[in-house]
Amino acid sequence: THGRKRVVGVSYTAAIIKPQDLSIQQRESMVKLYLSHYDASNRELFFSDLQDKTEVMLLLDGHRLAGFTTIDNFLWHDGEQTLNIVYSGDTIVDPTDWGQQTLAFAWIRRMGELKREHPHLPLYWLLIVKGHRTFKYLPTFGKTFFPHWRDSNDDLGRLADRLAAERFGDSYNPQTGVIELSRSRGQLRADIAEPTEAELRKECVRFFLEKNPNYRIGHELVCLCSLEESNMKPMTRRLFNRAEAA
């Protein structure tokens, strides 16, 4: 088990930075944290993925990097409509900082800001998931999403297929909804990836394991969630709208 004592009394902050504006120290802290929790990856892969993102959100405990998530925000056109897409890349939080909510809350507020940049365009969250803890963000933020254990969400599923096929090519298997890489580009260390007995009692965790049984070797489940107010849980909606008032 991982201790969580550090969270008590800690004053976390979140900072949004463009990848090209990261300092050498920030970049080194990010890759060190990532490689200490992921197997089958390396510095070159990490930095290659990082340069394709539009921004990075850092979780800070003073000057210490406690976690981060990466974002690629882009407009997607299919001839009939234009959509505002937020693609979440690598996300990692040091296990000593599990339990903090600063990163998640800051991320939601950032989504509100991105919505207000293009208020008339539908906003979607494209998330590829290597571990059950990341998958649990979906039911925390949204009322429904794709894939879901109770809702079929066929329209979301078709859109997810198109976005994934365009972005990941032949690595994406539309039959399973999973990016099935012939060679892993990174997977969570076994001691972090395995769910506890308590986690296995959660329906969303069991569903993720069923949908992505090969997550241990780096397969990634493609997920899509509407980031419109009508699909948000009450707390998510309040945080989302704080960006409008800021």
Protein backbone atom coordinates (compact mmCIF):
# COMPACT_ATOMS: atom_id res chain seq x y z
CA THR A 1 0.00 0.00 0.00
CA HIS A 2 1.10 3.56 -0.63
CA GLY A 3 1.11 6.09 2.19
CA ARG A 4 -0.99 9.22 1.81
CA LYS A 5 0.16 11.17 4.86
CA ARG A 6 1.67 13.94 2.74
CA VAL A 7 -1.78 15.11 1.59
CA VAL A 8 -2.79 16.20 5.11
CA GLY A 9 -2.09 19.90 5.51
CA VAL A 10 -0.38 20.25 2.13
CA SER A 11 -1.16 23.36 0.10
CA TYR A 12 -1.03 22.23 -3.51
CA THR A 13 -1.08 24.51 -6.52
CA ALA A 14 -1.64 23.83 -10.22
CA ALA A 15 0.18 25.60 -13.02
CA ILE A 16 -0.61 25.54 -16.75
CA ILE A 17 2.43 25.82 -19.03
CA LYS A 18 3.03 25.33 -22.75
CA PRO A 19 5.49 22.47 -23.38
CA GLN A 20 8.00 24.80 -25.05
CA ASP A 21 7.98 27.06 -21.97
CA LEU A 22 8.86 24.33 -19.47
CA SER A 23 12.19 24.84 -17.77
CA ILE A 24 14.87 22.17 -17.98
CA GLN A 25 14.26 21.39 -14.31
CA GLN A 26 10.50 21.01 -14.87
CA ARG A 27 11.04 18.71 -17.84
CA GLU A 28 13.51 16.59 -15.88
CA SER A 29 11.14 16.37 -12.92
CA MET A 30 8.32 15.27 -15.22
CA VAL A 31 10.27 12.53 -16.97
CA LYS A 32 11.73 11.30 -13.68
CA LEU A 33 8.26 11.05 -12.11
CA TYR A 34 6.84 9.36 -15.20
CA LEU A 35 9.58 6.75 -15.59
CA SER A 36 9.48 5.92 -11.89
CA HIS A 37 5.86 4.78 -12.30
CA TYR A 38 5.80 3.41 -15.86
CA ASP A 39 7.56 0.45 -17.44
CA ALA A 40 8.35 -0.06 -21.14
CA SER A 41 8.98 3.61 -21.84
CA ASN A 42 11.98 5.91 -22.06
CA ARG A 43 12.98 9.56 -22.18
CA GLU A 44 12.74 9.81 -25.95
CA LEU A 45 9.18 8.46 -26.06
CA PHE A 46 8.10 10.72 -23.23
CA PHE A 47 9.51 13.90 -24.74
CA SER A 48 8.24 12.97 -28.21
CA ASP A 49 4.70 12.70 -26.84
CA LEU A 50 5.13 15.88 -24.81
CA GLN A 51 6.04 18.06 -27.81
CA ASP A 52 2.75 17.07 -29.49
CA LYS A 53 0.68 18.59 -26.66
CA THR A 54 -0.60 22.16 -26.45
CA GLU A 55 -0.21 22.51 -22.69
CA VAL A 56 0.85 20.82 -19.47
CA MET A 57 -0.81 21.10 -16.07
CA LEU A 58 1.64 20.68 -13.19
CA LEU A 59 0.59 19.71 -9.67
CA LEU A 60 3.00 21.36 -7.24
CA ASP A 61 3.74 20.96 -3.56
CA GLY A 62 5.84 24.09 -3.15
CA HIS A 63 8.61 23.54 -5.71
CA ARG A 64 8.18 19.74 -5.70
CA LEU A 65 6.42 18.18 -8.68
CA ALA A 66 3.65 15.99 -7.25
CA GLY A 67 2.00 15.14 -10.56
CA PHE A 68 0.98 16.37 -13.99
CA THR A 69 -1.32 15.86 -16.92
CA THR A 70 -0.85 16.82 -20.57
CA ILE A 71 -3.44 18.24 -22.95
CA ASP A 72 -3.81 18.57 -26.70
CA ASN A 73 -6.66 20.95 -27.51
CA PHE A 74 -7.73 21.20 -31.15
CA LEU A 75 -10.71 21.92 -33.39
CA TRP A 76 -11.92 18.93 -35.39
CA HIS A 77 -13.84 19.30 -38.65
CA ASP A 78 -15.66 16.53 -40.48
CA GLY A 79 -17.32 18.56 -43.23
CA GLU A 80 -20.62 18.85 -41.39
CA GLN A 81 -19.62 20.18 -38.00
CA THR A 82 -16.74 21.58 -36.01
CA LEU A 83 -15.99 20.21 -32.55
CA ASN A 84 -13.68 21.41 -29.81
CA ILE A 85 -11.65 18.39 -28.64
CA VAL A 86 -9.55 18.05 -25.51
CA TYR A 87 -7.25 15.04 -25.73
CA SER A 88 -5.70 13.99 -22.45
CA GLY A 89 -2.24 12.49 -22.69
CA ASP A 90 0.02 11.24 -19.94
CA THR A 91 -1.26 11.74 -16.40
CA ILE A 92 0.60 10.70 -13.27
CA VAL A 93 0.33 11.62 -9.60
CA ASP A 94 2.91 10.47 -7.08
CA PRO A 95 1.25 7.81 -4.87
CA THR A 96 2.17 9.83 -1.77
CA ASP A 97 -0.18 12.51 -3.15
CA TRP A 98 -3.15 10.30 -4.00
CA GLY A 99 -6.23 11.78 -2.43
CA GLN A 100 -5.54 15.41 -3.34
CA GLN A 101 -8.17 17.03 -5.55
CA THR A 102 -6.22 20.09 -6.71
CA LEU A 103 -5.22 18.64 -10.09
CA ALA A 104 -8.72 17.42 -10.95
CA PHE A 105 -10.37 20.67 -9.87
CA ALA A 106 -7.88 22.79 -11.81
CA TRP A 107 -8.42 20.61 -14.86
CA ILE A 108 -12.18 21.12 -14.74
CA ARG A 109 -11.77 24.88 -14.41
CA ARG A 110 -9.43 24.80 -17.41
CA MET A 111 -12.10 22.95 -19.39
CA GLY A 112 -14.48 25.79 -18.58
CA GLU A 113 -11.97 28.29 -19.95
CA LEU A 114 -11.56 26.27 -23.15
CA LYS A 115 -15.34 26.10 -23.56
CA ARG A 116 -15.61 29.88 -23.31
CA GLU A 117 -12.96 30.32 -25.99
CA HIS A 118 -15.40 28.64 -28.41
CA PRO A 119 -18.77 28.88 -26.64
CA HIS A 120 -20.86 27.72 -29.58
CA LEU A 121 -18.81 24.60 -30.38
CA PRO A 122 -19.54 21.27 -28.66
CA LEU A 123 -16.67 20.37 -26.31
CA TYR A 124 -15.56 16.74 -25.96
CA TRP A 125 -12.97 15.02 -23.82
CA LEU A 126 -10.99 12.29 -25.60
CA LEU A 127 -9.22 10.13 -23.04
CA ILE A 128 -7.14 6.99 -23.57
CA VAL A 129 -6.88 4.93 -20.42
CA LYS A 130 -4.11 2.59 -19.27
CA GLY A 131 -5.29 2.19 -15.68
CA HIS A 132 -8.48 1.94 -13.66
CA ARG A 133 -7.73 4.99 -11.52
CA THR A 134 -7.72 7.26 -14.56
CA PHE A 135 -10.95 5.66 -15.81
CA LYS A 136 -12.63 6.61 -12.52
CA TYR A 137 -12.33 10.29 -13.46
CA LEU A 138 -15.07 9.79 -16.07
CA PRO A 139 -17.91 8.87 -13.67
CA THR A 140 -16.59 11.48 -11.23
CA PHE A 141 -16.94 14.30 -13.77
CA GLY A 142 -19.71 13.20 -16.13
CA LYS A 143 -23.18 11.71 -15.92
CA THR A 144 -22.46 9.51 -18.89
CA PHE A 145 -19.68 8.81 -21.39
CA PHE A 146 -18.43 6.14 -23.79
CA PRO A 147 -17.94 3.32 -23.08
CA HIS A 148 -20.29 2.96 -20.11
CA TRP A 149 -21.47 -0.13 -18.25
CA ARG A 150 -25.13 0.93 -18.35
CA ASP A 151 -25.53 3.31 -21.34
CA SER A 152 -24.79 2.29 -24.91
CA ASN A 153 -24.17 5.90 -26.09
CA ASP A 154 -24.00 4.83 -29.73
CA ASP A 155 -23.53 8.36 -31.09
CA LEU A 156 -20.59 8.97 -28.75
CA GLY A 157 -19.20 5.58 -29.71
CA ARG A 158 -19.26 6.37 -33.42
CA LEU A 159 -17.53 9.70 -32.80
CA ALA A 160 -14.94 8.00 -30.58
CA ASP A 161 -14.24 5.50 -33.38
CA ARG A 162 -13.65 8.28 -35.90
CA LEU A 163 -11.41 10.32 -33.62
CA ALA A 164 -9.39 7.28 -32.56
CA ALA A 165 -8.97 5.92 -36.09
CA GLU A 166 -7.79 9.32 -37.29
CA ARG A 167 -5.35 9.79 -34.41
CA PHE A 168 -4.05 6.25 -33.85
CA GLY A 169 -4.50 4.59 -37.24
CA ASP A 170 -4.15 0.82 -37.44
CA SER A 171 -3.25 0.59 -33.75
CA TYR A 172 -6.90 1.26 -32.94
CA ASN A 173 -9.23 -1.75 -32.95
CA PRO A 174 -12.81 -0.55 -33.46
CA GLN A 175 -14.12 -3.99 -32.49
CA THR A 176 -12.74 -3.65 -28.96
CA GLY A 177 -12.45 0.13 -28.67
CA VAL A 178 -8.84 -0.35 -27.58
CA ILE A 179 -5.52 0.92 -28.91
CA GLU A 180 -3.64 -2.36 -29.21
CA LEU A 181 0.00 -1.53 -29.72
CA SER A 182 2.25 -4.34 -30.93
CA ARG A 183 4.87 -2.93 -28.60
CA SER A 184 4.00 -1.04 -25.43
CA ARG A 185 4.80 2.66 -25.29
CA GLY A 186 4.47 2.59 -21.53
CA GLN A 187 2.39 0.82 -18.92
CA LEU A 188 1.91 1.37 -15.22
CA ARG A 189 4.23 -0.56 -12.95
CA ALA A 190 2.51 -3.73 -11.77
CA ASP A 191 2.44 -2.70 -8.11
CA ILE A 192 0.60 0.50 -9.04
CA ALA A 193 -1.64 -0.89 -11.79
CA GLU A 194 -3.26 -3.72 -9.83
CA PRO A 195 -6.59 -2.80 -8.20
CA THR A 196 -7.11 -3.46 -4.52
CA GLU A 197 -9.97 -5.62 -3.23
CA ALA A 198 -11.86 -2.47 -2.29
CA GLU A 199 -11.39 -1.05 -5.79
CA LEU A 200 -12.60 -4.28 -7.37
CA ARG A 201 -15.92 -3.80 -5.60
CA LYS A 202 -16.51 -0.67 -7.71
CA GLU A 203 -18.55 -1.26 -10.84
CA CYS A 204 -16.52 1.19 -12.92
CA VAL A 205 -13.24 -0.59 -12.05
CA ARG A 206 -14.58 -4.02 -12.98
CA PHE A 207 -15.95 -2.57 -16.22
CA PHE A 208 -12.59 -1.08 -17.17
CA LEU A 209 -10.82 -4.39 -16.53
CA GLU A 210 -13.37 -6.17 -18.70
CA LYS A 211 -13.09 -3.67 -21.56
CA ASN A 212 -9.29 -3.44 -21.46
CA PRO A 213 -8.00 -6.79 -20.17
CA ASN A 214 -4.51 -6.18 -21.59
CA TYR A 215 -3.91 -2.86 -19.85
CA ARG A 216 -0.94 -4.49 -18.11
CA ILE A 217 0.95 -4.56 -21.43
CA GLY A 218 0.10 -1.00 -22.40
CA HIS A 219 -3.21 -1.36 -24.25
CA GLU A 220 -5.34 1.78 -23.96
CA LEU A 221 -9.12 2.06 -23.80
CA VAL A 222 -10.50 4.91 -25.91
CA CYS A 223 -13.08 6.98 -24.01
CA LEU A 224 -15.14 10.01 -24.97
CA CYS A 225 -17.16 12.34 -22.75
CA SER A 226 -19.25 15.40 -23.57
CA LEU A 227 -18.04 18.40 -21.56
CA GLU A 228 -21.31 20.27 -21.74
CA GLU A 229 -23.09 21.43 -18.59
CA SER A 230 -26.03 19.10 -19.20
CA ASN A 231 -23.68 16.11 -18.79
CA MET A 232 -21.90 17.31 -15.67
CA LYS A 233 -22.22 16.26 -12.05
CA PRO A 234 -23.14 19.22 -9.78
CA MET A 235 -19.63 19.78 -8.37
CA THR A 236 -18.09 19.54 -11.84
CA ARG A 237 -20.55 22.12 -13.13
CA ARG A 238 -19.71 24.55 -10.33
CA LEU A 239 -15.97 24.28 -10.98
CA PHE A 240 -16.49 24.46 -14.74
CA ASN A 241 -18.39 27.72 -14.35
CA ARG A 242 -15.86 29.29 -12.01
CA ALA A 243 -13.75 29.99 -15.08
CA GLU A 244 -16.54 32.20 -16.39
CA ALA A 245 -16.61 34.23 -13.20
CA ALA A 246 -12.82 34.50 -12.94
